[in-house]
Amino acid sequence: MRRALFLLVLLPGCEAIDPYTRDGAWRPLGANQANLRTHVANPAHLDRGSSDGGSDGQAAADAVRRYRTDRVRPLPASGVAEVQATGVGGATTGGVGAGGGGANGGR
């Protein structure tokens, strides 16, 4: 109890050495907000967002519904790269799978 009281008495002295409140320290005074408003094309969008004319909200909502019900559709073949599983559920048996060994070297 004495120690807590002692620390409580000393606490106001910390303000003199606090780098954010001591005299001579720079205080931004809204500098971040002013900088953001300077770089935004339309400052009204900071208060109220705008819709994207090219987006389809229903398609996004359907994708979220499929994700939540565990009915995610497979990605279409892009022709860029083919992804193949190299392990079963993260478990490996006999050093084969999860990128190691196997007839095709884990590829």
Protein backbone atom coordinates (compact mmCIF):
# COMPACT_ATOMS: atom_id res chain seq x y z
CA MET A 1 0.00 0.00 0.00
CA ARG A 2 2.83 2.40 0.86
CA ARG A 3 4.53 1.66 -2.45
CA ALA A 4 1.34 2.34 -4.42
CA LEU A 5 0.81 5.62 -2.57
CA PHE A 6 4.42 6.62 -3.23
CA LEU A 7 4.05 5.93 -6.98
CA LEU A 8 0.77 7.81 -7.06
CA VAL A 9 2.49 10.87 -5.57
CA LEU A 10 5.27 10.71 -8.18
CA LEU A 11 2.96 10.21 -11.17
CA PRO A 12 2.27 13.91 -11.90
CA GLY A 13 6.03 14.44 -12.32
CA CYS A 14 6.04 12.20 -15.39
CA GLU A 15 4.35 14.91 -17.43
CA ALA A 16 7.54 16.96 -17.37
CA ILE A 17 9.51 14.21 -19.15
CA ASP A 18 6.76 12.86 -21.44
CA PRO A 19 7.99 13.46 -25.01
CA TYR A 20 4.45 14.18 -26.23
CA THR A 21 3.45 16.76 -23.63
CA ARG A 22 6.71 18.50 -22.74
CA ASP A 23 7.31 22.11 -23.78
CA GLY A 24 8.83 22.58 -27.22
CA ALA A 25 7.47 19.31 -28.63
CA TRP A 26 5.68 19.47 -31.98
CA ARG A 27 1.99 18.68 -31.79
CA PRO A 28 0.29 17.74 -35.06
CA LEU A 29 -3.04 19.51 -34.30
CA GLY A 30 -4.97 17.73 -37.06
CA ALA A 31 -2.07 17.39 -39.51
CA ASN A 32 -3.02 13.82 -40.48
CA GLN A 33 -6.60 14.78 -41.29
CA ALA A 34 -5.45 17.84 -43.26
CA ASN A 35 -2.96 15.73 -45.23
CA LEU A 36 -5.60 13.11 -46.03
CA ARG A 37 -8.08 15.74 -47.20
CA THR A 38 -5.36 17.24 -49.43
CA HIS A 39 -4.70 13.93 -51.19
CA VAL A 40 -8.30 12.76 -51.69
CA ALA A 41 -9.79 13.51 -55.11
CA ASN A 42 -13.22 14.31 -53.65
CA PRO A 43 -13.14 15.31 -49.95
CA ALA A 44 -16.86 14.51 -49.62
CA HIS A 45 -15.94 10.81 -49.94
CA LEU A 46 -14.24 11.02 -46.53
CA ASP A 47 -17.61 11.76 -44.93
CA ARG A 48 -19.76 9.53 -47.11
CA GLY A 49 -18.56 6.79 -49.43
CA SER A 50 -19.55 6.36 -53.04
CA SER A 51 -20.65 3.30 -54.96
CA ASP A 52 -18.63 1.69 -57.69
CA GLY A 53 -20.70 1.66 -60.87
CA GLY A 54 -18.86 -1.38 -62.20
CA SER A 55 -19.47 -3.62 -59.20
CA ASP A 56 -22.30 -6.06 -58.63
CA GLY A 57 -23.38 -6.23 -55.00
CA GLN A 58 -25.56 -9.27 -55.60
CA ALA A 59 -22.62 -11.27 -56.99
CA ALA A 60 -20.55 -10.36 -53.91
CA ALA A 61 -23.39 -11.32 -51.56
CA ASP A 62 -23.84 -14.64 -53.35
CA ALA A 63 -20.12 -15.38 -53.00
CA VAL A 64 -20.25 -14.69 -49.26
CA ARG A 65 -23.32 -16.94 -48.91
CA ARG A 66 -21.55 -19.79 -50.75
CA TYR A 67 -18.49 -19.34 -48.52
CA ARG A 68 -20.56 -19.41 -45.34
CA THR A 69 -22.45 -22.53 -46.43
CA ASP A 70 -19.25 -24.30 -47.53
CA ARG A 71 -20.26 -24.42 -51.21
CA VAL A 72 -17.36 -22.50 -52.73
CA ARG A 73 -17.06 -22.92 -56.48
CA PRO A 74 -13.69 -24.02 -57.91
CA LEU A 75 -11.72 -21.38 -59.76
CA PRO A 76 -11.84 -21.58 -63.55
CA ALA A 77 -8.72 -22.79 -65.37
CA SER A 78 -6.64 -19.75 -66.23
CA GLY A 79 -3.95 -21.43 -68.30
CA VAL A 80 -1.26 -19.67 -66.25
CA ALA A 81 -0.47 -22.30 -63.64
CA GLU A 82 -2.01 -25.49 -62.40
CA VAL A 83 -2.22 -25.97 -58.64
CA GLN A 84 -2.05 -29.52 -57.34
CA ALA A 85 -2.30 -30.85 -53.82
CA THR A 86 0.90 -32.44 -52.53
CA GLY A 87 -0.36 -33.78 -49.20
CA VAL A 88 -3.48 -35.02 -47.53
CA GLY A 89 -4.75 -32.67 -44.84
CA GLY A 90 -1.23 -31.65 -43.87
CA ALA A 91 -0.35 -35.18 -42.76
CA THR A 92 2.44 -37.04 -44.47
CA THR A 93 2.96 -40.78 -44.66
CA GLY A 94 6.34 -42.39 -45.17
CA GLY A 95 8.00 -39.15 -46.27
CA VAL A 96 5.74 -38.78 -49.32
CA GLY A 97 3.45 -35.80 -49.79
CA ALA A 98 3.46 -32.23 -48.53
CA GLY A 99 6.03 -31.34 -51.19
CA GLY A 100 8.47 -34.16 -50.57
CA GLY A 101 9.25 -37.21 -52.67
CA GLY A 102 6.65 -39.14 -54.62
CA ALA A 103 6.67 -40.16 -58.26
CA ASN A 104 6.54 -36.57 -59.48
CA GLY A 105 8.79 -34.98 -56.87
CA GLY A 106 5.91 -33.34 -55.03
CA ARG A 107 4.74 -31.42 -58.10
